[in-house]
Amino acid sequence: MMPSEKLDVGNDANPSSTADAGQLNNGPSPTSSVTLTEPETSDSPKSIWRRAYNIITWTPPRCRYNPEKPFQFSMPLNLLFGFAGAFTVANLYYNHPILNKLADSFGVTDERVSIIPTVMQAGYAAGLLFLCPLGDLFRRRAFVLLLVLFTATVWIGLCITNSFEVFTALSFITAVSTVTPQLMLPLVGDLAPPARRATALSIVVSGLLLGMLIARVLSGVVTEYTGWRNIYWLSLGLQYLIFILLWFFMPDYPSTNPDGINYFRILYSIGQMVCKYPVLVQVCFIGFFTSATFTSFWTTLTFLLAGEPYNYNSLVIGLFAFIGIAAMTLGPFYSRAVIDRCVPLFSTILGEIFCLIGIIIGTYTGTFSVAGPVIQAFAIDIGLQTSQIANRTSIYTIAPKARNRVNTAYMVSVFCGQLMGTAAGNNLYARGGWIRSGSASVGFIGAALVICFIRGPHEKGWVGWRGGWSIRRRDLESKPEDKKVDEEKAVNRMADEPIRGEEEKEIGPEPFERTDEVKGEEGSEEGQGEDIQARMEKSHQI
């Protein structure tokens, strides 16, 4: 391909909305702004890479952004995002129930092999901090596709290496690029209609949490009947399947900052947001302590169940994840019934209480009864999900043009908490066993509850409960009976308008004098007809 040639793949359906396939953002096309002095042969490595890049980032016509006809965010697309999020984040958790198998395969101790979950959590936190903010700069479709393909390709090394050091290094690299679900969540916030935004977000969040659990089930089952490498080969196939599905169906969406932002300014602005928004700081600390209990429990549970008095195999350990899967499916329904109607802090406190009850029961009965870990698994999963959905609902109203950075601030704190929980849980378990590591989790939840009560749901400042204790959201519409009256008035007026128009054509103005009450209603509704109709349509959608 000659350098003067231009691959016009993004503009044929809508010339004003999409640039060349090589674009990640809204800037000029790379092929149109670079002039080469030497011809580029079709067999040259540079030409091959350029063609591959153009194919990867090309957008099918039905997925191209058109400002005059916005993309319809459908339930199948919502489920696709949930599926992609589940089996992408699962990459971080396949190793949890098979750490003993990995130790035997690589010839290392249990304490040393436990560094793999820690390294992967650290890599994920690094990706959240340094890659996710770019979602506010680049076009997210191309960015997500490149990251998914990169992760899948590097994952091949995990499937074939026999070196523990190489396995650990590749685990870190793939964890850094396994941040695509966190790029999808702000995109869902942009694409989903306001009437079902919370439900749409909860479906993707439930997918993420489900991925944490389903990874353990698949890993335990596959490892028990075949070998641990086969679960990694299965993950490789799922990553390429996700890439293909997203390539065909993921919609394109313009950058929220098309004029561009300096990368270091993007990172700096995250710190500014943390200093500016008290609710973001509160949510970050709550997420930090809550997520620490989750990873501490699931990592040390493997060692508890594999040792005395249980001696369970990898299959049984993996099946423990089924306990939490039922809780994860309740997320969208709970979000619609409770979180959309009550202040998010109320749901957060409920989630922390669920976690606390489960941890206390599981910690102090788990050494002699398997019922303790079962109860703890269920309670901690439903509590974490409740807390995370409520926390995201709180922060997604902050800075709509910087949702990726807001999400980055929150998720960095969450996965730093997971990193701390994994490291602290393993260390405390090695020193004092199950009860010591569980007691630390009780302290983590206690700290989260203290932070919940430091600042009330209606408080505008950093500390206090000014604004009251009401759990009802104050930004909801007025009373249901008032809304019903408004709807009836709007329906009656819209039904009368065609008839009145026909009467005026045939017999002129109305032959009777309307009462003052009717005139008053007309006067108060004049100029508000469109607003009433919009509210009526919105209420029907809800």
Protein backbone atom coordinates (compact mmCIF):
# COMPACT_ATOMS: atom_id res chain seq x y z
CA MET A 1 0.00 0.00 0.00
CA MET A 2 1.50 3.34 -1.04
CA PRO A 3 1.77 6.01 1.65
CA SER A 4 -0.45 8.35 -0.29
CA GLU A 5 -3.30 5.85 -0.26
CA LYS A 6 -5.96 6.32 2.37
CA LEU A 7 -8.03 3.49 3.77
CA ASP A 8 -11.46 5.12 4.11
CA VAL A 9 -13.27 2.59 6.24
CA GLY A 10 -15.00 4.72 8.82
CA ASN A 11 -16.65 7.39 6.73
CA ASP A 12 -18.73 5.75 4.04
CA ALA A 13 -21.85 5.44 6.22
CA ASN A 14 -21.52 8.76 7.99
CA PRO A 15 -18.68 10.98 6.79
CA SER A 16 -19.08 13.51 9.56
CA SER A 17 -19.01 11.11 12.45
CA THR A 18 -16.12 8.71 12.01
CA ALA A 19 -12.52 9.02 11.03
CA ASP A 20 -10.14 6.46 9.56
CA ALA A 21 -9.88 3.04 11.11
CA GLY A 22 -6.49 3.80 12.56
CA GLN A 23 -7.87 6.41 14.92
CA LEU A 24 -8.24 5.91 18.65
CA ASN A 25 -9.40 9.44 19.26
CA ASN A 26 -11.01 12.23 17.27
CA GLY A 27 -7.79 13.65 15.91
CA PRO A 28 -6.58 13.62 12.30
CA SER A 29 -5.94 10.38 10.49
CA PRO A 30 -2.41 9.03 10.86
CA THR A 31 -2.23 8.13 7.18
CA SER A 32 -3.22 11.62 6.09
CA SER A 33 -0.77 13.51 8.29
CA VAL A 34 2.43 11.50 7.69
CA THR A 35 4.48 11.79 4.52
CA LEU A 36 7.07 9.12 3.77
CA THR A 37 9.92 9.63 1.38
CA GLU A 38 10.21 5.98 0.39
CA PRO A 39 7.45 3.78 -1.02
CA GLU A 40 6.15 1.09 1.27
CA THR A 41 5.87 -2.32 -0.31
CA SER A 42 2.92 -4.55 0.49
CA ASP A 43 5.26 -7.22 1.87
CA SER A 44 7.17 -4.92 4.23
CA PRO A 45 6.68 -5.55 7.98
CA LYS A 46 5.45 -1.99 8.48
CA SER A 47 2.76 -2.41 5.84
CA ILE A 48 1.62 -5.73 7.32
CA TRP A 49 1.32 -4.25 10.80
CA ARG A 50 -0.55 -1.24 9.43
CA ARG A 51 -3.04 -3.44 7.62
CA ALA A 52 -3.53 -5.61 10.70
CA TYR A 53 -4.09 -2.49 12.80
CA ASN A 54 -6.64 -1.14 10.32
CA ILE A 55 -8.53 -4.43 10.32
CA ILE A 56 -8.60 -4.62 14.14
CA THR A 57 -9.85 -1.05 14.57
CA TRP A 58 -12.28 -1.03 11.63
CA THR A 59 -15.89 -0.39 12.61
CA PRO A 60 -18.80 -2.20 10.91
CA PRO A 61 -21.36 0.27 9.48
CA ARG A 62 -24.09 -0.67 11.96
CA CYS A 63 -21.77 0.13 14.90
CA ARG A 64 -20.59 3.55 13.70
CA TYR A 65 -21.47 6.63 15.67
CA ASN A 66 -24.09 8.88 14.13
CA PRO A 67 -25.06 11.97 16.17
CA GLU A 68 -28.31 12.29 14.22
CA LYS A 69 -29.30 8.71 15.06
CA PRO A 70 -27.87 7.70 18.45
CA PHE A 71 -27.08 4.05 19.00
CA GLN A 72 -29.85 2.12 20.74
CA PHE A 73 -28.47 0.41 23.84
CA SER A 74 -30.33 -2.89 23.79
CA MET A 75 -30.54 -5.69 26.33
CA PRO A 76 -28.49 -8.10 24.13
CA LEU A 77 -25.68 -5.54 24.01
CA ASN A 78 -25.96 -5.06 27.76
CA LEU A 79 -25.65 -8.84 28.25
CA LEU A 80 -22.68 -8.93 25.85
CA PHE A 81 -20.89 -6.35 27.97
CA GLY A 82 -21.72 -8.39 31.07
CA PHE A 83 -20.39 -11.58 29.42
CA ALA A 84 -17.22 -9.86 28.27
CA GLY A 85 -16.67 -8.36 31.70
CA ALA A 86 -17.23 -11.68 33.47
CA PHE A 87 -14.76 -13.74 31.44
CA THR A 88 -12.20 -10.96 31.22
CA VAL A 89 -11.99 -10.31 34.96
CA ALA A 90 -12.03 -14.10 35.47
CA ASN A 91 -8.40 -14.10 34.28
CA LEU A 92 -7.42 -12.75 37.68
CA TYR A 93 -9.04 -15.57 39.64
CA TYR A 94 -8.42 -18.84 37.79
CA ASN A 95 -5.36 -19.46 39.95
CA HIS A 96 -7.09 -19.09 43.34
CA PRO A 97 -8.47 -22.64 43.82
CA ILE A 98 -5.46 -24.33 42.19
CA LEU A 99 -2.58 -22.67 44.04
CA ASN A 100 -1.62 -26.04 45.52
CA LYS A 101 -1.53 -27.58 42.03
CA LEU A 102 0.61 -24.71 40.73
CA ALA A 103 3.00 -25.15 43.65
CA ASP A 104 3.40 -28.86 42.85
CA SER A 105 3.82 -28.23 39.12
CA PHE A 106 6.48 -25.53 39.49
CA GLY A 107 8.13 -27.11 42.52
CA VAL A 108 7.66 -24.18 44.91
CA THR A 109 6.17 -23.80 48.40
CA ASP A 110 2.60 -22.78 49.14
CA GLU A 111 3.79 -19.48 50.58
CA ARG A 112 5.77 -18.66 47.45
CA VAL A 113 3.04 -19.62 45.00
CA SER A 114 0.63 -17.33 46.83
CA ILE A 115 2.51 -14.41 45.27
CA ILE A 116 0.71 -15.06 41.96
CA PRO A 117 -2.68 -13.68 43.09
CA THR A 118 -0.87 -10.76 44.72
CA VAL A 119 1.08 -9.96 41.56
CA MET A 120 -2.05 -10.13 39.39
CA GLN A 121 -3.96 -7.80 41.69
CA ALA A 122 -1.02 -5.38 41.63
CA GLY A 123 -0.94 -5.52 37.82
CA TYR A 124 -4.68 -4.87 37.62
CA ALA A 125 -4.33 -1.87 39.92
CA ALA A 126 -1.53 -0.53 37.69
CA GLY A 127 -3.70 -0.94 34.60
CA LEU A 128 -6.55 0.86 36.31
CA LEU A 129 -4.32 3.79 37.21
CA PHE A 130 -2.36 4.17 33.97
CA LEU A 131 -4.65 2.78 31.23
CA CYS A 132 -8.26 3.39 32.28
CA PRO A 133 -7.98 7.22 32.36
CA LEU A 134 -7.19 7.06 28.64
CA GLY A 135 -10.85 6.14 28.13
CA ASP A 136 -11.59 9.86 28.51
CA LEU A 137 -9.24 10.57 25.61
CA PHE A 138 -9.46 7.70 23.10
CA ARG A 139 -12.39 6.22 21.26
CA ARG A 140 -13.23 3.30 23.51
CA ARG A 141 -14.12 0.72 20.86
CA ALA A 142 -10.65 0.66 19.29
CA PHE A 143 -8.95 0.94 22.68
CA VAL A 144 -10.90 -1.98 24.14
CA LEU A 145 -10.34 -4.22 21.11
CA LEU A 146 -6.58 -3.65 21.15
CA LEU A 147 -6.35 -4.43 24.86
CA VAL A 148 -8.42 -7.63 24.54
CA LEU A 149 -6.28 -8.86 21.64
CA PHE A 150 -3.04 -8.02 23.45
CA THR A 151 -4.16 -9.85 26.60
CA ALA A 152 -5.20 -12.95 24.66
CA THR A 153 -1.92 -13.08 22.75
CA VAL A 154 0.31 -12.70 25.82
CA TRP A 155 -1.86 -15.29 27.61
CA ILE A 156 -0.41 -17.96 25.31
CA GLY A 157 2.83 -17.70 27.30
CA LEU A 158 1.01 -18.65 30.50
CA CYS A 159 -0.28 -21.77 28.80
CA ILE A 160 3.11 -23.10 27.73
CA THR A 161 5.80 -21.86 30.13
CA ASN A 162 7.53 -24.19 32.59
CA SER A 163 9.28 -21.43 34.52
CA PHE A 164 7.68 -20.07 37.68
CA GLU A 165 9.45 -16.72 37.24
CA VAL A 166 8.18 -16.35 33.65
CA PHE A 167 4.69 -17.39 34.73
CA THR A 168 4.71 -14.73 37.44
CA ALA A 169 5.95 -12.00 35.08
CA LEU A 170 3.39 -12.83 32.38
CA SER A 171 0.66 -12.91 35.02
CA PHE A 172 1.53 -9.32 35.90
CA ILE A 173 1.55 -8.18 32.25
CA THR A 174 -1.80 -9.75 31.41
CA ALA A 175 -3.33 -8.32 34.58
CA VAL A 176 -2.28 -4.81 33.53
CA SER A 177 -4.20 -5.08 30.25
CA THR A 178 -7.19 -6.92 31.75
CA VAL A 179 -8.94 -3.63 32.49
CA THR A 180 -11.38 -3.60 29.59
CA PRO A 181 -14.46 -4.10 31.85
CA GLN A 182 -13.58 -0.86 33.60
CA LEU A 183 -13.60 0.90 30.23
CA MET A 184 -16.99 -0.61 29.39
CA LEU A 185 -18.72 0.56 32.56
CA PRO A 186 -18.42 4.32 31.85
CA LEU A 187 -19.42 3.58 28.25
CA VAL A 188 -22.59 1.90 29.54
CA GLY A 189 -23.26 5.06 31.52
CA ASP A 190 -23.00 7.05 28.28
CA LEU A 191 -25.07 4.71 26.10
CA ALA A 192 -27.84 3.56 28.44
CA PRO A 193 -30.97 5.74 28.67
CA PRO A 194 -31.36 7.51 32.04
CA ALA A 195 -34.50 5.52 32.85
CA ARG A 196 -32.56 2.24 33.00
CA ARG A 197 -28.99 3.37 33.59
CA ALA A 198 -28.74 1.89 37.10
CA THR A 199 -30.10 -1.45 35.91
CA ALA A 200 -27.73 -1.48 32.93
CA LEU A 201 -24.77 -0.77 35.17
CA SER A 202 -25.82 -3.44 37.65
CA ILE A 203 -25.89 -6.07 34.88
CA VAL A 204 -22.26 -5.35 33.99
CA VAL A 205 -21.20 -5.10 37.65
CA SER A 206 -22.94 -8.43 38.34
CA GLY A 207 -21.01 -9.85 35.39
CA LEU A 208 -17.73 -8.70 36.93
CA LEU A 209 -18.53 -10.23 40.28
CA LEU A 210 -19.87 -13.36 38.63
CA GLY A 211 -16.58 -13.69 36.76
CA MET A 212 -14.72 -13.74 40.06
CA LEU A 213 -16.79 -16.74 41.13
CA ILE A 214 -17.25 -18.65 37.88
CA ALA A 215 -13.47 -18.61 37.42
CA ARG A 216 -13.10 -20.65 40.59
CA VAL A 217 -15.73 -23.16 39.51
CA LEU A 218 -14.25 -23.70 36.06
CA SER A 219 -10.73 -23.81 37.42
CA GLY A 220 -11.57 -26.38 40.08
CA VAL A 221 -13.55 -28.65 37.73
CA VAL A 222 -11.13 -28.55 34.79
CA THR A 223 -8.05 -28.99 36.99
CA GLU A 224 -9.55 -31.92 38.85
CA TYR A 225 -10.35 -33.94 35.72
CA THR A 226 -7.61 -32.82 33.34
CA GLY A 227 -4.81 -30.48 34.37
CA TRP A 228 -4.30 -26.88 35.43
CA ARG A 229 -2.98 -25.81 32.02
CA ASN A 230 -6.27 -26.66 30.34
CA ILE A 231 -8.12 -23.95 32.27
CA TYR A 232 -5.61 -21.47 30.88
CA TRP A 233 -6.18 -22.78 27.35
CA LEU A 234 -9.92 -22.43 27.91
CA SER A 235 -9.42 -18.84 29.02
CA LEU A 236 -7.39 -18.18 25.90
CA GLY A 237 -10.25 -19.34 23.69
CA LEU A 238 -12.74 -17.22 25.64
CA GLN A 239 -10.56 -14.13 25.20
CA TYR A 240 -10.49 -14.52 21.42
CA LEU A 241 -14.25 -15.18 21.42
CA ILE A 242 -14.81 -11.94 23.34
CA PHE A 243 -12.63 -10.09 20.83
CA ILE A 244 -14.67 -11.41 17.90
CA LEU A 245 -18.03 -10.59 19.51
CA LEU A 246 -16.95 -7.07 20.46
CA TRP A 247 -15.50 -6.49 16.99
CA PHE A 248 -18.87 -7.27 15.43
CA PHE A 249 -21.23 -5.66 17.96
CA MET A 250 -19.49 -3.08 20.18
CA PRO A 251 -20.68 0.41 19.16
CA ASP A 252 -18.27 3.21 18.45
CA TYR A 253 -18.57 6.32 20.57
CA PRO A 254 -16.66 9.59 20.29
CA SER A 255 -14.14 10.69 22.84
CA THR A 256 -15.61 12.76 25.66
CA ASN A 257 -12.64 15.10 25.25
CA PRO A 258 -12.12 15.36 21.46
CA ASP A 259 -9.73 18.31 21.77
CA GLY A 260 -7.30 16.12 23.66
CA ILE A 261 -5.82 16.24 27.16
CA ASN A 262 -2.24 15.87 28.26
CA TYR A 263 -1.75 12.39 29.71
CA PHE A 264 -0.04 13.62 32.85
CA ARG A 265 -2.77 16.20 33.30
CA ILE A 266 -5.29 13.36 33.15
CA LEU A 267 -3.49 11.56 35.96
CA TYR A 268 -3.18 14.78 37.95
CA SER A 269 -6.89 15.50 37.57
CA ILE A 270 -7.72 12.20 39.31
CA GLY A 271 -6.05 13.50 42.44
CA GLN A 272 -7.90 16.80 42.05
CA MET A 273 -11.24 14.96 41.93
CA VAL A 274 -10.40 13.05 45.09
CA CYS A 275 -9.70 16.35 46.85
CA LYS A 276 -12.84 17.97 45.43
CA TYR A 277 -15.62 15.41 45.97
CA PRO A 278 -16.19 14.14 49.54
CA VAL A 279 -18.52 11.37 48.37
CA LEU A 280 -15.75 9.98 46.14
CA VAL A 281 -13.31 9.82 49.05
CA GLN A 282 -15.90 8.12 51.28
CA VAL A 283 -16.72 5.55 48.60
CA CYS A 284 -13.04 4.85 47.89
CA PHE A 285 -12.28 4.03 51.53
CA ILE A 286 -15.39 1.86 51.85
CA GLY A 287 -14.46 -0.02 48.68
CA PHE A 288 -10.88 -0.46 49.89
CA PHE A 289 -11.78 -2.18 53.16
CA THR A 290 -14.68 -4.21 51.76
CA SER A 291 -12.72 -5.64 48.84
CA ALA A 292 -9.87 -6.59 51.19
CA THR A 293 -12.18 -9.01 53.01
CA PHE A 294 -13.31 -10.58 49.72
CA THR A 295 -9.87 -11.56 48.42
CA SER A 296 -8.57 -12.49 51.86
CA PHE A 297 -11.45 -14.94 52.29
CA TRP A 298 -11.30 -16.59 48.87
CA THR A 299 -7.51 -16.91 48.85
CA THR A 300 -7.15 -18.44 52.32
CA LEU A 301 -10.25 -20.61 51.84
CA THR A 302 -8.24 -22.77 49.42
CA PHE A 303 -5.69 -23.60 52.12
CA LEU A 304 -8.37 -24.19 54.78
CA LEU A 305 -10.40 -26.63 52.66
CA ALA A 306 -7.34 -28.41 51.23
CA GLY A 307 -5.94 -29.12 54.72
CA GLU A 308 -7.20 -30.69 57.93
CA PRO A 309 -9.95 -31.46 58.84
CA TYR A 310 -11.53 -31.25 55.35
CA ASN A 311 -8.90 -32.39 52.80
CA TYR A 312 -11.13 -31.39 49.86
CA ASN A 313 -9.84 -31.69 46.32
CA SER A 314 -9.72 -28.85 43.77
CA LEU A 315 -13.14 -29.77 42.38
CA VAL A 316 -14.93 -29.37 45.71
CA ILE A 317 -13.04 -26.16 46.47
CA GLY A 318 -14.03 -24.73 43.11
CA LEU A 319 -17.67 -25.67 43.63
CA PHE A 320 -17.79 -23.38 46.66
CA ALA A 321 -18.13 -20.53 44.18
CA PHE A 322 -21.65 -21.73 43.35
CA ILE A 323 -22.68 -20.45 46.76
CA GLY A 324 -22.22 -16.87 45.66
CA ILE A 325 -23.48 -17.14 42.08
CA ALA A 326 -27.13 -17.06 43.16
CA ALA A 327 -26.45 -13.87 45.12
CA MET A 328 -24.86 -12.26 42.06
CA THR A 329 -27.94 -12.80 39.92
CA LEU A 330 -30.01 -10.74 42.35
CA GLY A 331 -28.03 -7.57 41.63
CA PRO A 332 -30.13 -6.06 38.80
CA PHE A 333 -33.40 -6.74 40.65
CA TYR A 334 -32.07 -5.31 43.90
CA SER A 335 -30.75 -2.26 42.07
CA ARG A 336 -34.11 -1.53 40.49
CA ALA A 337 -36.11 -2.15 43.68
CA VAL A 338 -33.89 -0.52 46.32
CA ILE A 339 -30.90 1.46 45.03
CA ASP A 340 -32.96 3.44 42.51
CA ARG A 341 -35.37 4.48 45.27
CA CYS A 342 -33.13 4.91 48.33
CA VAL A 343 -29.93 6.81 48.96
CA PRO A 344 -26.89 4.70 47.99
CA LEU A 345 -25.39 4.94 51.49
CA PHE A 346 -28.33 2.97 52.87
CA SER A 347 -27.57 0.02 50.56
CA THR A 348 -23.87 0.33 51.32
CA ILE A 349 -24.48 0.00 55.06
CA LEU A 350 -26.72 -3.01 54.48
CA GLY A 351 -24.01 -4.63 52.39
CA GLU A 352 -21.38 -4.05 55.09
CA ILE A 353 -23.67 -5.58 57.73
CA PHE A 354 -24.19 -8.66 55.55
CA CYS A 355 -20.42 -9.02 55.21
CA LEU A 356 -19.80 -8.55 58.93
CA ILE A 357 -22.33 -11.19 59.97
CA GLY A 358 -20.96 -13.72 57.48
CA ILE A 359 -17.32 -13.11 58.41
CA ILE A 360 -17.96 -13.49 62.14
CA ILE A 361 -19.81 -16.77 61.63
CA GLY A 362 -17.31 -18.19 59.14
CA THR A 363 -14.19 -17.14 61.03
CA TYR A 364 -15.04 -18.60 64.40
CA THR A 365 -16.77 -21.79 63.23
CA GLY A 366 -14.82 -22.58 60.06
CA THR A 367 -12.10 -24.62 61.73
CA PHE A 368 -14.52 -27.33 62.83
CA SER A 369 -17.66 -26.93 60.65
CA VAL A 370 -17.89 -26.41 56.91
CA ALA A 371 -21.18 -24.59 57.44
CA GLY A 372 -19.22 -21.55 58.61
CA PRO A 373 -17.36 -20.97 55.32
CA VAL A 374 -20.57 -21.70 53.38
CA ILE A 375 -22.48 -18.99 55.25
CA GLN A 376 -19.55 -16.62 54.94
CA ALA A 377 -19.23 -17.19 51.18
CA PHE A 378 -22.89 -16.34 50.61
CA ALA A 379 -22.98 -13.32 52.92
CA ILE A 380 -19.72 -11.79 51.75
CA ASP A 381 -20.66 -12.11 48.08
CA ILE A 382 -24.09 -10.54 48.40
CA GLY A 383 -22.68 -7.86 50.70
CA LEU A 384 -19.88 -6.96 48.32
CA GLN A 385 -22.22 -6.76 45.35
CA THR A 386 -24.70 -4.57 47.21
CA SER A 387 -21.93 -2.24 48.32
CA GLN A 388 -20.29 -1.97 44.90
CA ILE A 389 -23.49 -1.21 42.98
CA ALA A 390 -24.45 1.44 45.54
CA ASN A 391 -20.97 2.98 45.45
CA ARG A 392 -20.99 3.23 41.66
CA THR A 393 -24.43 4.80 41.75
CA SER A 394 -23.02 7.45 44.08
CA ILE A 395 -20.00 8.41 41.97
CA TYR A 396 -21.37 8.14 38.42
CA THR A 397 -23.16 11.46 38.85
CA ILE A 398 -19.76 13.15 39.28
CA ALA A 399 -18.17 14.84 36.25
CA PRO A 400 -19.94 13.12 33.28
CA LYS A 401 -17.06 14.02 30.93
CA ALA A 402 -14.55 12.40 33.28
CA ARG A 403 -16.35 9.19 34.21
CA ASN A 404 -13.34 7.05 33.36
CA ARG A 405 -11.18 9.05 35.75
CA VAL A 406 -13.80 8.91 38.49
CA ASN A 407 -14.10 5.17 37.91
CA THR A 408 -10.31 4.91 38.00
CA ALA A 409 -10.10 6.60 41.39
CA TYR A 410 -12.70 4.23 42.82
CA MET A 411 -11.37 1.04 41.25
CA VAL A 412 -7.74 1.78 42.15
CA SER A 413 -8.83 1.96 45.78
CA VAL A 414 -10.87 -1.25 45.40
CA PHE A 415 -8.04 -3.26 43.89
CA CYS A 416 -5.46 -1.81 46.24
CA GLY A 417 -7.78 -3.18 48.91
CA GLN A 418 -7.84 -6.54 47.16
CA LEU A 419 -4.07 -6.48 46.96
CA MET A 420 -3.80 -5.69 50.65
CA GLY A 421 -6.41 -8.31 51.54
CA THR A 422 -4.64 -11.02 49.54
CA ALA A 423 -1.21 -10.24 50.99
CA ALA A 424 -2.44 -9.74 54.56
CA GLY A 425 -4.68 -12.80 54.43
CA ASN A 426 -1.91 -15.10 53.21
CA ASN A 427 0.60 -13.72 55.71
CA LEU A 428 -1.76 -13.93 58.68
CA TYR A 429 -2.92 -17.41 57.66
CA ALA A 430 0.71 -18.60 57.51
CA ARG A 431 1.35 -17.13 60.99
CA GLY A 432 -1.83 -17.90 62.85
CA GLY A 433 -4.21 -19.85 60.66
CA TRP A 434 -7.83 -19.29 59.62
CA ILE A 435 -9.02 -17.46 62.74
CA ARG A 436 -6.27 -14.84 62.65
CA SER A 437 -6.84 -13.96 58.99
CA GLY A 438 -10.60 -13.87 59.52
CA SER A 439 -10.27 -11.62 62.56
CA ALA A 440 -8.44 -9.10 60.39
CA SER A 441 -11.42 -9.12 58.00
CA VAL A 442 -13.74 -8.33 60.92
CA GLY A 443 -11.58 -5.27 61.57
CA PHE A 444 -11.71 -4.26 57.88
CA ILE A 445 -15.51 -4.29 57.82
CA GLY A 446 -15.61 -2.41 61.11
CA ALA A 447 -13.46 0.31 59.55
CA ALA A 448 -15.77 0.47 56.50
CA LEU A 449 -18.83 0.91 58.74
CA VAL A 450 -17.13 3.73 60.66
CA ILE A 451 -16.49 5.53 57.37
CA CYS A 452 -20.12 5.01 56.37
CA PHE A 453 -21.34 6.76 59.53
CA ILE A 454 -18.84 9.62 59.41
CA ARG A 455 -20.71 11.29 56.55
CA GLY A 456 -24.48 11.16 56.03
CA PRO A 457 -26.29 10.56 52.73
CA HIS A 458 -27.38 14.20 52.34
CA GLU A 459 -24.23 15.83 53.73
CA LYS A 460 -22.54 18.23 51.29
CA GLY A 461 -19.35 18.61 53.31
CA TRP A 462 -16.71 16.16 54.43
CA VAL A 463 -18.07 15.17 57.85
CA GLY A 464 -21.49 15.26 59.44
CA TRP A 465 -25.14 14.37 58.96
CA ARG A 466 -26.55 17.71 57.89
CA GLY A 467 -29.57 17.21 55.68
CA GLY A 468 -31.23 14.56 57.80
CA TRP A 469 -31.37 10.78 58.09
CA SER A 470 -33.95 10.10 55.40
CA ILE A 471 -33.15 7.08 53.23
CA ARG A 472 -35.39 8.27 50.39
CA ARG A 473 -33.70 9.90 47.45
CA ARG A 474 -34.59 13.56 47.25
CA ASP A 475 -33.97 13.85 43.54
CA LEU A 476 -36.94 11.60 42.76
CA GLU A 477 -40.08 13.06 41.30
CA SER A 478 -42.91 14.28 43.47
CA LYS A 479 -45.56 12.14 45.06
CA PRO A 480 -47.09 9.37 42.97
CA GLU A 481 -50.57 10.89 43.19
CA ASP A 482 -49.26 14.23 41.90
CA LYS A 483 -47.52 12.47 39.04
CA LYS A 484 -50.74 10.60 38.23
CA VAL A 485 -52.69 13.88 38.11
CA ASP A 486 -50.09 15.41 35.78
CA GLU A 487 -50.27 12.38 33.51
CA GLU A 488 -54.08 12.51 33.37
CA LYS A 489 -54.04 16.21 32.53
CA ALA A 490 -51.49 15.68 29.80
CA VAL A 491 -53.39 12.74 28.31
CA ASN A 492 -56.70 14.62 28.33
CA ARG A 493 -55.18 17.72 26.79
CA MET A 494 -53.44 15.75 24.02
CA ALA A 495 -56.68 13.87 23.33
CA ASP A 496 -58.68 17.11 23.11
CA GLU A 497 -56.29 18.99 20.84
CA PRO A 498 -57.13 17.17 17.54
CA ILE A 499 -60.86 17.42 18.19
CA ARG A 500 -60.59 21.07 19.08
CA GLY A 501 -58.59 21.71 15.93
CA GLU A 502 -61.24 20.08 13.75
CA GLU A 503 -64.02 22.03 15.49
CA GLU A 504 -62.22 25.32 14.91
CA LYS A 505 -61.93 24.56 11.20
CA GLU A 506 -65.65 23.82 10.88
CA ILE A 507 -67.44 26.04 13.38
CA GLY A 508 -64.83 28.49 14.57
CA PRO A 509 -63.99 29.14 18.22
CA GLU A 510 -65.60 27.24 21.04
CA PRO A 511 -69.19 28.43 21.61
CA PHE A 512 -69.01 28.18 25.41
CA GLU A 513 -67.11 30.08 28.04
CA ARG A 514 -64.63 27.92 29.96
CA THR A 515 -64.52 28.18 33.74
CA ASP A 516 -61.79 29.97 35.63
CA GLU A 517 -60.52 26.64 36.87
CA VAL A 518 -60.02 25.39 33.33
CA LYS A 519 -58.43 28.67 32.31
CA GLY A 520 -56.12 28.47 35.27
CA GLU A 521 -55.11 24.96 34.35
CA GLU A 522 -54.50 26.01 30.77
CA GLY A 523 -52.49 29.03 31.88
CA SER A 524 -50.35 27.00 34.23
CA GLU A 525 -49.78 24.35 31.61
CA GLU A 526 -49.14 26.74 28.74
CA GLY A 527 -45.54 26.47 27.69
CA GLN A 528 -45.15 23.29 29.77
CA GLY A 529 -46.93 20.85 27.47
CA GLU A 530 -43.74 19.41 26.15
CA ASP A 531 -42.31 19.08 29.67
CA ILE A 532 -45.41 17.25 30.90
CA GLN A 533 -45.37 14.94 27.91
CA ALA A 534 -41.68 14.22 28.46
CA ARG A 535 -42.28 13.45 32.12
CA MET A 536 -45.19 11.21 31.21
CA GLU A 537 -43.08 9.28 28.71
CA LYS A 538 -40.28 9.02 31.24
CA SER A 539 -42.63 7.68 33.90
CA HIS A 540 -44.00 5.07 31.49
CA GLN A 541 -40.45 4.01 30.66
CA ILE A 542 -39.66 3.64 34.34
